[in-house]
C-alpha atoms as a PDB file:
ATOM      1  CA  UNK A   1    -155.839 142.736 -18.620  1.00  0.00           C
ATOM      2  CA  UNK A   2    -152.972 144.527 -19.374  1.00  0.00           C
ATOM      3  CA  UNK A   3    -152.211 148.317 -20.320  1.00  0.00           C
ATOM      4  CA  UNK A   4    -149.161 149.672 -21.585  1.00  0.00           C
ATOM      5  CA  UNK A   5    -145.835 150.595 -19.667  1.00  0.00           C
ATOM      6  CA  UNK A   6    -142.474 151.542 -20.822  1.00  0.00           C
ATOM      7  CA  UNK A   7    -139.993 148.961 -20.449  1.00  0.00           C
ATOM      8  CA  UNK A   8    -136.201 150.202 -19.681  1.00  0.00           C
ATOM      9  CA  UNK A   9    -135.630 150.490 -23.406  1.00  0.00           C
ATOM     10  CA  UNK A  10    -138.505 152.691 -23.933  1.00  0.00           C
ATOM     11  CA  UNK A  11    -140.585 149.761 -25.626  1.00  0.00           C
ATOM     12  CA  UNK A  12    -144.444 149.393 -24.617  1.00  0.00           C
ATOM     13  CA  UNK A  13    -145.030 146.484 -22.362  1.00  0.00           C
ATOM     14  CA  UNK A  14    -147.457 145.565 -20.471  1.00  0.00           C
ATOM     15  CA  UNK A  15    -148.672 145.717 -16.929  1.00  0.00           C
ATOM     16  CA  UNK A  16    -150.291 143.880 -14.071  1.00  0.00           C
ATOM     17  CA  UNK A  17    -154.089 145.347 -14.141  1.00  0.00           C
ATOM     18  CA  UNK A  18    -155.162 147.733 -11.156  1.00  0.00           C
ATOM     19  CA  UNK A  19    -158.784 148.063 -11.822  1.00  0.00           C
ATOM     20  CA  UNK A  20    -159.654 145.508  -9.528  1.00  0.00           C
ATOM     21  CA  UNK A  21    -158.628 144.324  -5.631  1.00  0.00           C
ATOM     22  CA  UNK A  22    -158.730 140.650  -5.587  1.00  0.00           C
ATOM     23  CA  UNK A  23    -159.797 140.862  -1.839  1.00  0.00           C
ATOM     24  CA  UNK A  24    -163.001 140.253  -0.543  1.00  0.00           C
ATOM     25  CA  UNK A  25    -165.346 142.177  -0.034  1.00  0.00           C
ATOM     26  CA  UNK A  26    -164.205 144.519  -2.895  1.00  0.00           C
ATOM     27  CA  UNK A  27    -163.474 142.042  -5.502  1.00  0.00           C
ATOM     28  CA  UNK A  28    -166.774 142.880  -7.641  1.00  0.00           C
ATOM     29  CA  UNK A  29    -165.586 146.691  -7.935  1.00  0.00           C
ATOM     30  CA  UNK A  30    -164.082 147.561 -11.304  1.00  0.00           C
ATOM     31  CA  UNK A  31    -162.384 151.129 -11.430  1.00  0.00           C
ATOM     32  CA  UNK A  32    -162.456 153.097 -14.527  1.00  0.00           C
ATOM     33  CA  UNK A  33    -161.851 156.277 -16.366  1.00  0.00           C
ATOM     34  CA  UNK A  34    -163.513 158.598 -18.661  1.00  0.00           C
ATOM     35  CA  UNK A  35    -162.228 161.464 -20.196  1.00  0.00           C
ATOM     36  CA  UNK A  36    -164.082 164.116 -17.659  1.00  0.00           C
ATOM     37  CA  UNK A  37    -161.082 162.755 -15.406  1.00  0.00           C
ATOM     38  CA  UNK A  38    -159.144 165.043 -18.264  1.00  0.00           C
ATOM     39  CA  UNK A  39    -161.352 168.030 -17.980  1.00  0.00           C
ATOM     40  CA  UNK A  40    -163.136 167.154 -21.443  1.00  0.00           C
ATOM     41  CA  UNK A  41    -167.074 167.923 -21.691  1.00  0.00           C
ATOM     42  CA  UNK A  42    -167.429 168.269 -25.140  1.00  0.00           C
ATOM     43  CA  UNK A  43    -166.590 166.659 -28.150  1.00  0.00           C
ATOM     44  CA  UNK A  44    -164.448 169.355 -29.061  1.00  0.00           C
ATOM     45  CA  UNK A  45    -163.377 172.020 -28.151  1.00  0.00           C
ATOM     46  CA  UNK A  46    -160.056 174.074 -27.598  1.00  0.00           C
ATOM     47  CA  UNK A  47    -159.723 174.097 -24.161  1.00  0.00           C
ATOM     48  CA  UNK A  48    -159.443 170.535 -24.072  1.00  0.00           C
ATOM     49  CA  UNK A  49    -156.502 168.032 -24.007  1.00  0.00           C
ATOM     50  CA  UNK A  50    -156.480 166.328 -27.628  1.00  0.00           C
ATOM     51  CA  UNK A  51    -157.827 162.821 -27.307  1.00  0.00           C
ATOM     52  CA  UNK A  52    -154.211 161.124 -28.424  1.00  0.00           C
ATOM     53  CA  UNK A  53    -152.713 162.869 -25.493  1.00  0.00           C
ATOM     54  CA  UNK A  54    -155.471 162.337 -22.882  1.00  0.00           C
ATOM     55  CA  UNK A  55    -155.471 158.446 -23.654  1.00  0.00           C
ATOM     56  CA  UNK A  56    -151.603 158.070 -23.208  1.00  0.00           C
ATOM     57  CA  UNK A  57    -151.925 159.684 -19.969  1.00  0.00           C
ATOM     58  CA  UNK A  58    -154.528 157.841 -19.098  1.00  0.00           C
ATOM     59  CA  UNK A  59    -152.791 154.475 -19.590  1.00  0.00           C
ATOM     60  CA  UNK A  60    -149.759 156.029 -17.779  1.00  0.00           C
ATOM     61  CA  UNK A  61    -151.902 156.979 -15.097  1.00  0.00           C
ATOM     62  CA  UNK A  62    -152.785 153.168 -14.519  1.00  0.00           C
ATOM     63  CA  UNK A  63    -155.963 152.843 -15.908  1.00  0.00           C
ATOM     64  CA  UNK A  64    -157.296 150.236 -18.296  1.00  0.00           C
ATOM     65  CA  UNK A  65    -160.749 150.189 -18.238  1.00  0.00           C
ATOM     66  CA  UNK A  66    -162.766 153.054 -20.026  1.00  0.00           C
ATOM     67  CA  UNK A  67    -166.037 154.899 -20.385  1.00  0.00           C
ATOM     68  CA  UNK A  68    -165.528 156.831 -23.647  1.00  0.00           C
ATOM     69  CA  UNK A  69    -167.362 160.430 -22.456  1.00  0.00           C
ATOM     70  CA  UNK A  70    -168.626 162.947 -24.954  1.00  0.00           C
ATOM     71  CA  UNK A  71    -169.442 161.361 -28.627  1.00  0.00           C
ATOM     72  CA  UNK A  72    -167.080 162.641 -30.578  1.00  0.00           C
ATOM     73  CA  UNK A  73    -164.447 162.573 -28.234  1.00  0.00           C
ATOM     74  CA  UNK A  74    -162.518 159.570 -29.202  1.00  0.00           C
ATOM     75  CA  UNK A  75    -163.021 157.828 -32.722  1.00  0.00           C
ATOM     76  CA  UNK A  76    -167.229 156.810 -33.822  1.00  0.00           C
ATOM     77  CA  UNK A  77    -165.553 154.343 -35.978  1.00  0.00           C
ATOM     78  CA  UNK A  78    -165.599 150.924 -34.243  1.00  0.00           C
ATOM     79  CA  UNK A  79    -162.875 149.811 -35.753  1.00  0.00           C
ATOM     80  CA  UNK A  80    -160.405 152.768 -34.794  1.00  0.00           C
ATOM     81  CA  UNK A  81    -161.775 152.743 -31.305  1.00  0.00           C
ATOM     82  CA  UNK A  82    -161.145 149.599 -31.203  1.00  0.00           C
ATOM     83  CA  UNK A  83    -157.468 149.764 -32.598  1.00  0.00           C
ATOM     84  CA  UNK A  84    -156.635 152.724 -30.542  1.00  0.00           C
ATOM     85  CA  UNK A  85    -158.270 151.379 -27.363  1.00  0.00           C
ATOM     86  CA  UNK A  86    -155.895 148.171 -28.040  1.00  0.00           C
ATOM     87  CA  UNK A  87    -153.024 150.268 -28.577  1.00  0.00           C
ATOM     88  CA  UNK A  88    -153.120 151.740 -25.263  1.00  0.00           C
ATOM     89  CA  UNK A  89    -154.476 148.557 -23.108  1.00  0.00           C
ATOM     90  CA  UNK A  90    -158.231 149.763 -22.753  1.00  0.00           C
ATOM     91  CA  UNK A  91    -161.141 147.794 -22.248  1.00  0.00           C
ATOM     92  CA  UNK A  92    -164.737 149.808 -23.400  1.00  0.00           C
ATOM     93  CA  UNK A  93    -167.198 149.556 -20.947  1.00  0.00           C
ATOM     94  CA  UNK A  94    -169.406 151.955 -21.955  1.00  0.00           C
ATOM     95  CA  UNK A  95    -170.268 155.230 -23.711  1.00  0.00           C
ATOM     96  CA  UNK A  96    -171.865 158.410 -23.301  1.00  0.00           C
ATOM     97  CA  UNK A  97    -174.488 160.216 -24.865  1.00  0.00           C
ATOM     98  CA  UNK A  98    -176.711 163.205 -24.223  1.00  0.00           C
ATOM     99  CA  UNK A  99    -180.026 163.330 -25.305  1.00  0.00           C
ATOM    100  CA  UNK A 100    -183.090 165.428 -25.037  1.00  0.00           C
ATOM    101  CA  UNK A 101    -186.324 163.065 -23.886  1.00  0.00           C
ATOM    102  CA  UNK A 102    -188.992 165.426 -23.294  1.00  0.00           C
ATOM    103  CA  UNK A 103    -189.248 167.226 -25.749  1.00  0.00           C
ATOM    104  CA  UNK A 104    -191.358 165.090 -28.519  1.00  0.00           C
ATOM    105  CA  UNK A 105    -189.132 167.610 -31.417  1.00  0.00           C
ATOM    106  CA  UNK A 106    -185.963 166.552 -30.363  1.00  0.00           C
ATOM    107  CA  UNK A 107    -186.738 162.383 -29.924  1.00  0.00           C
ATOM    108  CA  UNK A 108    -186.054 161.662 -33.422  1.00  0.00           C
ATOM    109  CA  UNK A 109    -182.048 163.208 -33.250  1.00  0.00           C
ATOM    110  CA  UNK A 110    -181.762 161.914 -29.452  1.00  0.00           C
ATOM    111  CA  UNK A 111    -183.113 158.064 -30.905  1.00  0.00           C
ATOM    112  CA  UNK A 112    -180.796 158.313 -34.034  1.00  0.00           C
ATOM    113  CA  UNK A 113    -177.448 159.752 -31.968  1.00  0.00           C
ATOM    114  CA  UNK A 114    -178.229 156.999 -29.226  1.00  0.00           C
ATOM    115  CA  UNK A 115    -178.394 154.444 -32.076  1.00  0.00           C
ATOM    116  CA  UNK A 116    -175.293 155.267 -33.488  1.00  0.00           C
ATOM    117  CA  UNK A 117    -173.212 155.798 -30.145  1.00  0.00           C
ATOM    118  CA  UNK A 118    -174.901 152.026 -29.183  1.00  0.00           C
ATOM    119  CA  UNK A 119    -173.596 150.329 -32.527  1.00  0.00           C
ATOM    120  CA  UNK A 120    -169.981 151.464 -31.828  1.00  0.00           C
ATOM    121  CA  UNK A 121    -169.977 150.163 -28.363  1.00  0.00           C
ATOM    122  CA  UNK A 122    -171.579 146.966 -28.829  1.00  0.00           C
ATOM    123  CA  UNK A 123    -168.992 146.387 -31.534  1.00  0.00           C
ATOM    124  CA  UNK A 124    -166.401 147.099 -29.172  1.00  0.00           C
ATOM    125  CA  UNK A 125    -167.786 145.165 -26.227  1.00  0.00           C
ATOM    126  CA  UNK A 126    -169.234 147.431 -23.938  1.00  0.00           C
ATOM    127  CA  UNK A 127    -172.202 146.866 -21.436  1.00  0.00           C
ATOM    128  CA  UNK A 128    -173.712 149.897 -20.763  1.00  0.00           C
ATOM    129  CA  UNK A 129    -175.097 153.169 -22.008  1.00  0.00           C
ATOM    130  CA  UNK A 130    -174.930 156.481 -19.954  1.00  0.00           C
ATOM    131  CA  UNK A 131    -177.431 158.961 -20.679  1.00  0.00           C
ATOM    132  CA  UNK A 132    -176.526 162.561 -19.752  1.00  0.00           C
ATOM    133  CA  UNK A 133    -179.246 164.462 -19.078  1.00  0.00           C
ATOM    134  CA  UNK A 134    -179.631 167.971 -21.308  1.00  0.00           C
ATOM    135  CA  UNK A 135    -179.460 170.917 -18.513  1.00  0.00           C
ATOM    136  CA  UNK A 136    -181.110 173.753 -18.257  1.00  0.00           C
ATOM    137  CA  UNK A 137    -178.773 176.274 -18.589  1.00  0.00           C
ATOM    138  CA  UNK A 138    -175.983 176.282 -21.215  1.00  0.00           C
ATOM    139  CA  UNK A 139    -172.545 174.809 -20.276  1.00  0.00           C
ATOM    140  CA  UNK A 140    -170.607 177.872 -21.781  1.00  0.00           C
ATOM    141  CA  UNK A 141    -172.730 180.496 -21.920  1.00  0.00           C
ATOM    142  CA  UNK A 142    -174.641 179.542 -18.491  1.00  0.00           C
ATOM    143  CA  UNK A 143    -177.685 181.336 -20.020  1.00  0.00           C
ATOM    144  CA  UNK A 144    -181.201 179.787 -19.030  1.00  0.00           C
ATOM    145  CA  UNK A 145    -182.299 177.391 -22.051  1.00  0.00           C
ATOM    146  CA  UNK A 146    -185.112 175.720 -20.786  1.00  0.00           C
ATOM    147  CA  UNK A 147    -187.519 175.440 -17.876  1.00  0.00           C
ATOM    148  CA  UNK A 148    -186.024 174.422 -14.382  1.00  0.00           C
ATOM    149  CA  UNK A 149    -188.848 171.675 -13.673  1.00  0.00           C
ATOM    150  CA  UNK A 150    -190.730 169.044 -15.980  1.00  0.00           C
ATOM    151  CA  UNK A 151    -194.238 168.821 -15.487  1.00  0.00           C
ATOM    152  CA  UNK A 152    -197.246 168.135 -16.946  1.00  0.00           C
ATOM    153  CA  UNK A 153    -196.826 166.526 -20.958  1.00  0.00           C
ATOM    154  CA  UNK A 154    -192.646 167.581 -20.839  1.00  0.00           C
ATOM    155  CA  UNK A 155    -193.015 165.140 -17.763  1.00  0.00           C
ATOM    156  CA  UNK A 156    -194.697 162.420 -18.943  1.00  0.00           C
ATOM    157  CA  UNK A 157    -192.895 162.462 -22.467  1.00  0.00           C
ATOM    158  CA  UNK A 158    -189.468 162.019 -20.530  1.00  0.00           C
ATOM    159  CA  UNK A 159    -190.832 159.024 -18.805  1.00  0.00           C
ATOM    160  CA  UNK A 160    -191.937 157.311 -21.775  1.00  0.00           C
ATOM    161  CA  UNK A 161    -188.722 158.173 -23.875  1.00  0.00           C
ATOM    162  CA  UNK A 162    -186.722 157.230 -20.820  1.00  0.00           C
ATOM    163  CA  UNK A 163    -188.180 153.356 -21.490  1.00  0.00           C
ATOM    164  CA  UNK A 164    -188.445 153.757 -24.804  1.00  0.00           C
ATOM    165  CA  UNK A 165    -184.563 154.586 -24.991  1.00  0.00           C
ATOM    166  CA  UNK A 166    -183.702 151.804 -22.761  1.00  0.00           C
ATOM    167  CA  UNK A 167    -185.617 148.974 -24.561  1.00  0.00           C
ATOM    168  CA  UNK A 168    -183.648 150.180 -27.819  1.00  0.00           C
ATOM    169  CA  UNK A 169    -180.201 150.259 -26.109  1.00  0.00           C
ATOM    170  CA  UNK A 170    -181.540 146.937 -24.219  1.00  0.00           C
ATOM    171  CA  UNK A 171    -183.301 144.712 -27.100  1.00  0.00           C
ATOM    172  CA  UNK A 172    -181.667 146.332 -30.655  1.00  0.00           C
ATOM    173  CA  UNK A 173    -177.692 146.635 -28.805  1.00  0.00           C
ATOM    174  CA  UNK A 174    -177.794 144.370 -25.838  1.00  0.00           C
ATOM    175  CA  UNK A 175    -176.658 147.376 -24.023  1.00  0.00           C
ATOM    176  CA  UNK A 176    -177.779 148.140 -20.309  1.00  0.00           C
ATOM    177  CA  UNK A 177    -178.960 152.531 -20.357  1.00  0.00           C
ATOM    178  CA  UNK A 178    -178.123 154.176 -17.046  1.00  0.00           C
ATOM    179  CA  UNK A 179    -179.570 157.455 -16.078  1.00  0.00           C
ATOM    180  CA  UNK A 180    -177.284 160.043 -14.876  1.00  0.00           C
ATOM    181  CA  UNK A 181    -178.118 162.351 -12.466  1.00  0.00           C
ATOM    182  CA  UNK A 182    -176.579 166.116 -13.210  1.00  0.00           C
ATOM    183  CA  UNK A 183    -176.187 169.418 -11.964  1.00  0.00           C
ATOM    184  CA  UNK A 184    -178.483 172.486 -13.457  1.00  0.00           C
ATOM    185  CA  UNK A 185    -180.425 169.372 -14.965  1.00  0.00           C
ATOM    186  CA  UNK A 186    -184.219 167.726 -14.705  1.00  0.00           C
ATOM    187  CA  UNK A 187    -182.612 164.890 -12.597  1.00  0.00           C
ATOM    188  CA  UNK A 188    -180.438 166.040  -9.245  1.00  0.00           C
ATOM    189  CA  UNK A 189    -182.275 166.941  -6.211  1.00  0.00           C
ATOM    190  CA  UNK A 190    -183.059 163.663  -4.128  1.00  0.00           C
ATOM    191  CA  UNK A 191    -186.648 164.262  -4.594  1.00  0.00           C
ATOM    192  CA  UNK A 192    -186.163 164.199  -8.579  1.00  0.00           C
ATOM    193  CA  UNK A 193    -183.974 161.347  -8.367  1.00  0.00           C
ATOM    194  CA  UNK A 194    -187.035 159.488  -6.391  1.00  0.00           C
ATOM    195  CA  UNK A 195    -189.627 160.644  -8.764  1.00  0.00           C
ATOM    196  CA  UNK A 196    -187.834 159.202 -11.696  1.00  0.00           C
ATOM    197  CA  UNK A 197    -187.255 155.574 -10.163  1.00  0.00           C
ATOM    198  CA  UNK A 198    -190.852 155.544  -9.028  1.00  0.00           C
ATOM    199  CA  UNK A 199    -192.237 156.432 -12.773  1.00  0.00           C
ATOM    200  CA  UNK A 200    -189.797 154.406 -14.825  1.00  0.00           C
ATOM    201  CA  UNK A 201    -189.156 150.746 -15.405  1.00  0.00           C
ATOM    202  CA  UNK A 202    -186.483 148.853 -13.666  1.00  0.00           C
ATOM    203  CA  UNK A 203    -186.111 146.358 -16.517  1.00  0.00           C
ATOM    204  CA  UNK A 204    -185.340 149.088 -19.112  1.00  0.00           C
ATOM    205  CA  UNK A 205    -183.952 151.916 -16.856  1.00  0.00           C
ATOM    206  CA  UNK A 206    -181.081 151.787 -14.436  1.00  0.00           C
ATOM    207  CA  UNK A 207    -178.976 154.197 -12.590  1.00  0.00           C
ATOM    208  CA  UNK A 208    -175.837 155.686 -12.512  1.00  0.00           C
ATOM    209  CA  UNK A 209    -174.903 156.794  -8.894  1.00  0.00           C
ATOM    210  CA  UNK A 210    -172.665 160.019  -9.517  1.00  0.00           C
ATOM    211  CA  UNK A 211    -171.414 160.491  -6.153  1.00  0.00           C
ATOM    212  CA  UNK A 212    -170.334 164.313  -6.904  1.00  0.00           C
ATOM    213  CA  UNK A 213    -173.763 165.115  -8.459  1.00  0.00           C
ATOM    214  CA  UNK A 214    -175.587 163.813  -6.070  1.00  0.00           C
ATOM    215  CA  UNK A 215    -173.780 166.000  -3.511  1.00  0.00           C
ATOM    216  CA  UNK A 216    -174.050 169.178  -5.523  1.00  0.00           C
ATOM    217  CA  UNK A 217    -177.905 168.020  -5.674  1.00  0.00           C
ATOM    218  CA  UNK A 218    -178.443 168.143  -1.916  1.00  0.00           C
ATOM    219  CA  UNK A 219    -177.944 164.437  -1.275  1.00  0.00           C
ATOM    220  CA  UNK A 220    -176.473 161.826   0.090  1.00  0.00           C
ATOM    221  CA  UNK A 221    -174.998 158.397  -2.037  1.00  0.00           C
ATOM    222  CA  UNK A 222    -174.218 156.376   0.375  1.00  0.00           C
ATOM    223  CA  UNK A 223    -177.768 156.257   1.816  1.00  0.00           C
ATOM    224  CA  UNK A 224    -178.804 156.036  -1.548  1.00  0.00           C
ATOM    225  CA  UNK A 225    -177.069 152.760  -1.575  1.00  0.00           C
ATOM    226  CA  UNK A 226    -179.156 151.224   1.113  1.00  0.00           C
ATOM    227  CA  UNK A 227    -182.498 152.904  -0.508  1.00  0.00           C
ATOM    228  CA  UNK A 228    -181.874 152.010  -4.108  1.00  0.00           C
ATOM    229  CA  UNK A 229    -179.371 149.229  -4.153  1.00  0.00           C
ATOM    230  CA  UNK A 230    -181.988 147.456  -7.036  1.00  0.00           C
ATOM    231  CA  UNK A 231    -181.452 150.624  -9.455  1.00  0.00           C
ATOM    232  CA  UNK A 232    -177.747 151.227  -9.006  1.00  0.00           C
ATOM    233  CA  UNK A 233    -176.270 149.759 -12.005  1.00  0.00           C
ATOM    234  CA  UNK A 234    -173.151 151.689 -12.475  1.00  0.00           C
ATOM    235  CA  UNK A 235    -170.914 154.301 -10.552  1.00  0.00           C
ATOM    236  CA  UNK A 236    -169.275 157.738 -11.237  1.00  0.00           C
ATOM    237  CA  UNK A 237    -167.223 158.617  -8.013  1.00  0.00           C
ATOM    238  CA  UNK A 238    -166.329 161.887  -7.527  1.00  0.00           C
ATOM    239  CA  UNK A 239    -166.348 164.608  -4.957  1.00  0.00           C
ATOM    240  CA  UNK A 240    -167.844 167.963  -4.573  1.00  0.00           C
ATOM    241  CA  UNK A 241    -166.626 170.439  -2.187  1.00  0.00           C
ATOM    242  CA  UNK A 242    -169.834 171.099   0.397  1.00  0.00           C
ATOM    243  CA  UNK A 243    -168.889 174.974   0.956  1.00  0.00           C
ATOM    244  CA  UNK A 244    -168.548 175.971  -2.414  1.00  0.00           C
ATOM    245  CA  UNK A 245    -171.476 173.584  -3.821  1.00  0.00           C
ATOM    246  CA  UNK A 246    -173.653 175.198  -0.421  1.00  0.00           C
ATOM    247  CA  UNK A 247    -172.220 179.225  -2.170  1.00  0.00           C
ATOM    248  CA  UNK A 248    -173.512 178.339  -5.223  1.00  0.00           C
ATOM    249  CA  UNK A 249    -177.127 177.522  -4.242  1.00  0.00           C
ATOM    250  CA  UNK A 250    -177.543 180.055  -2.176  1.00  0.00           C
ATOM    251  CA  UNK A 251    -176.196 182.312  -5.009  1.00  0.00           C
ATOM    252  CA  UNK A 252    -177.497 180.506  -7.879  1.00  0.00           C
ATOM    253  CA  UNK A 253    -174.366 179.809  -9.792  1.00  0.00           C
ATOM    254  CA  UNK A 254    -174.806 177.675 -12.722  1.00  0.00           C
ATOM    255  CA  UNK A 255    -173.039 174.551 -12.681  1.00  0.00           C
ATOM    256  CA  UNK A 256    -170.181 175.409 -14.751  1.00  0.00           C
ATOM    257  CA  UNK A 257    -169.384 178.635 -12.662  1.00  0.00           C
ATOM    258  CA  UNK A 258    -169.285 176.522  -9.850  1.00  0.00           C
ATOM    259  CA  UNK A 259    -166.815 174.066 -11.326  1.00  0.00           C
ATOM    260  CA  UNK A 260    -164.970 177.134 -12.459  1.00  0.00           C
ATOM    261  CA  UNK A 261    -164.449 178.129  -8.860  1.00  0.00           C
ATOM    262  CA  UNK A 262    -163.846 174.927  -7.395  1.00  0.00           C
ATOM    263  CA  UNK A 263    -166.508 172.899  -6.467  1.00  0.00           C
ATOM    264  CA  UNK A 264    -165.194 169.721  -8.052  1.00  0.00           C
ATOM    265  CA  UNK A 265    -162.409 168.393  -5.650  1.00  0.00           C
ATOM    266  CA  UNK A 266    -159.910 166.159  -5.661  1.00  0.00           C
ATOM    267  CA  UNK A 267    -160.488 162.761  -2.913  1.00  0.00           C
ATOM    268  CA  UNK A 268    -159.924 162.805   0.093  1.00  0.00           C
ATOM    269  CA  UNK A 269    -160.964 166.338  -0.320  1.00  0.00           C
ATOM    270  CA  UNK A 270    -164.546 166.795  -0.328  1.00  0.00           C
ATOM    271  CA  UNK A 271    -168.006 164.840   0.031  1.00  0.00           C
ATOM    272  CA  UNK A 272    -168.536 161.794  -0.057  1.00  0.00           C
ATOM    273  CA  UNK A 273    -166.394 160.033   2.470  1.00  0.00           C
ATOM    274  CA  UNK A 274    -164.527 157.652   0.142  1.00  0.00           C
ATOM    275  CA  UNK A 275    -163.473 155.119   2.079  1.00  0.00           C
ATOM    276  CA  UNK A 276    -166.870 154.943   3.288  1.00  0.00           C
ATOM    277  CA  UNK A 277    -168.488 154.878  -0.158  1.00  0.00           C
ATOM    278  CA  UNK A 278    -166.189 152.300  -1.346  1.00  0.00           C
ATOM    279  CA  UNK A 279    -167.007 150.168   1.678  1.00  0.00           C
ATOM    280  CA  UNK A 280    -171.331 150.474   1.306  1.00  0.00           C
ATOM    281  CA  UNK A 281    -170.685 149.856  -2.452  1.00  0.00           C
ATOM    282  CA  UNK A 282    -168.937 146.430  -1.404  1.00  0.00           C
ATOM    283  CA  UNK A 283    -172.124 145.416   0.282  1.00  0.00           C
ATOM    284  CA  UNK A 284    -174.236 145.502  -2.900  1.00  0.00           C
ATOM    285  CA  UNK A 285    -172.294 142.266  -4.118  1.00  0.00           C
ATOM    286  CA  UNK A 286    -172.943 142.844  -7.344  1.00  0.00           C
ATOM    287  CA  UNK A 287    -170.592 143.565 -10.665  1.00  0.00           C
ATOM    288  CA  UNK A 288    -169.901 147.313 -10.762  1.00  0.00           C
ATOM    289  CA  UNK A 289    -167.979 149.466 -12.770  1.00  0.00           C
ATOM    290  CA  UNK A 290    -166.998 152.506 -10.506  1.00  0.00           C
ATOM    291  CA  UNK A 291    -165.859 155.387 -13.120  1.00  0.00           C
ATOM    292  CA  UNK A 292    -163.160 158.028 -11.832  1.00  0.00           C
ATOM    293  CA  UNK A 293    -164.216 161.673 -12.447  1.00  0.00           C
ATOM    294  CA  UNK A 294    -163.608 164.734 -11.618  1.00  0.00           C
ATOM    295  CA  UNK A 295    -165.414 167.857 -13.333  1.00  0.00           C
ATOM    296  CA  UNK A 296    -162.521 170.150 -14.547  1.00  0.00           C
ATOM    297  CA  UNK A 297    -163.352 172.071 -17.219  1.00  0.00           C
ATOM    298  CA  UNK A 298    -161.001 173.688 -18.062  1.00  0.00           C
ATOM    299  CA  UNK A 299    -158.315 172.762 -16.819  1.00  0.00           C
ATOM    300  CA  UNK A 300    -154.535 173.162 -17.536  1.00  0.00           C
ATOM    301  CA  UNK A 301    -153.211 170.533 -19.286  1.00  0.00           C
ATOM    302  CA  UNK A 302    -150.212 169.662 -16.926  1.00  0.00           C
ATOM    303  CA  UNK A 303    -152.866 169.163 -14.219  1.00  0.00           C
ATOM    304  CA  UNK A 304    -154.977 165.974 -15.199  1.00  0.00           C
ATOM    305  CA  UNK A 305    -152.075 163.343 -15.304  1.00  0.00           C
ATOM    306  CA  UNK A 306    -150.617 163.679 -11.598  1.00  0.00           C
ATOM    307  CA  UNK A 307    -154.247 164.730 -10.187  1.00  0.00           C
ATOM    308  CA  UNK A 308    -155.691 161.091 -11.483  1.00  0.00           C
ATOM    309  CA  UNK A 309    -152.755 159.251 -10.121  1.00  0.00           C
ATOM    310  CA  UNK A 310    -153.282 160.715  -6.759  1.00  0.00           C
ATOM    311  CA  UNK A 311    -156.895 160.086  -6.854  1.00  0.00           C
ATOM    312  CA  UNK A 312    -156.607 156.377  -8.182  1.00  0.00           C
ATOM    313  CA  UNK A 313    -153.879 155.772  -5.826  1.00  0.00           C
ATOM    314  CA  UNK A 314    -155.918 157.079  -3.180  1.00  0.00           C
ATOM    315  CA  UNK A 315    -159.194 154.901  -4.047  1.00  0.00           C
ATOM    316  CA  UNK A 316    -156.864 152.103  -4.290  1.00  0.00           C
ATOM    317  CA  UNK A 317    -156.291 152.608  -0.470  1.00  0.00           C
ATOM    318  CA  UNK A 318    -159.804 153.028   0.298  1.00  0.00           C
ATOM    319  CA  UNK A 319    -160.115 149.282  -1.354  1.00  0.00           C
ATOM    320  CA  UNK A 320    -161.413 150.141  -5.131  1.00  0.00           C
ATOM    321  CA  UNK A 321    -159.106 148.936  -7.354  1.00  0.00           C
ATOM    322  CA  UNK A 322    -154.801 148.317  -6.593  1.00  0.00           C
ATOM    323  CA  UNK A 323    -151.791 150.625  -6.151  1.00  0.00           C
END
């Protein structure tokens, strides 16, 4: 796999793939990127960087593996998506979908959306579908839109539909669905994650180890690798500031407020310790996509490129990818 780079005459040319460290024990870990690293949370938003700009900068930063992020940020049409990714030297490995699982009336729209995302991403060679959970506070207004905890029929429906969505994605499109933990969602704390693992079918529902959200939820992603090695199928690697996280929970800030106040940080700042984390991921001895993220919405458009280069190069020092 190659990525575009500028030759002396300014014409795009190939460069060595930096996504994979060939040295054991890190040789089964592949680093990638997604729009979150560029401050993108929504398909369209006036505070976000245009997708063509972000895509070019992602390639310039040395990435070549892509999770496409919010459905509709990049082109939805498979032919167009393949074309622009090829143009910038990217291989698409995952799509990302937001969908409500615990409300009966919302299920038809969730299924329709995930089928659309899965169809496009299967056509461009992706392997995974990341399910982002709905948040119980609005991402922009920070107002409560749902209960903090799932109980009774809502919890039962969540489990049933998680299994069903995993089955649809796997059987109809050949993709693996991974549930993603998230601040201000129903899958945030270690207890909530354990509850989901216990209730869902591991053959249908895998897990995205989002290291930053697990820290934000009060967990330890490094120990979770030891505790649930068979459930971890995919990784989002990012760091959170423990002091801002503590303050956010003590004062009950919305997740968006915590991010706006700097909770998501560039490693080596924050937790987890990335050298320990990457070393622990390597002990799983299985193929893993490790997608580089940092919650930066909203951000100065000049920030993501140098910030991402520094992040990728530091993670390479930890064994993930190469400089």
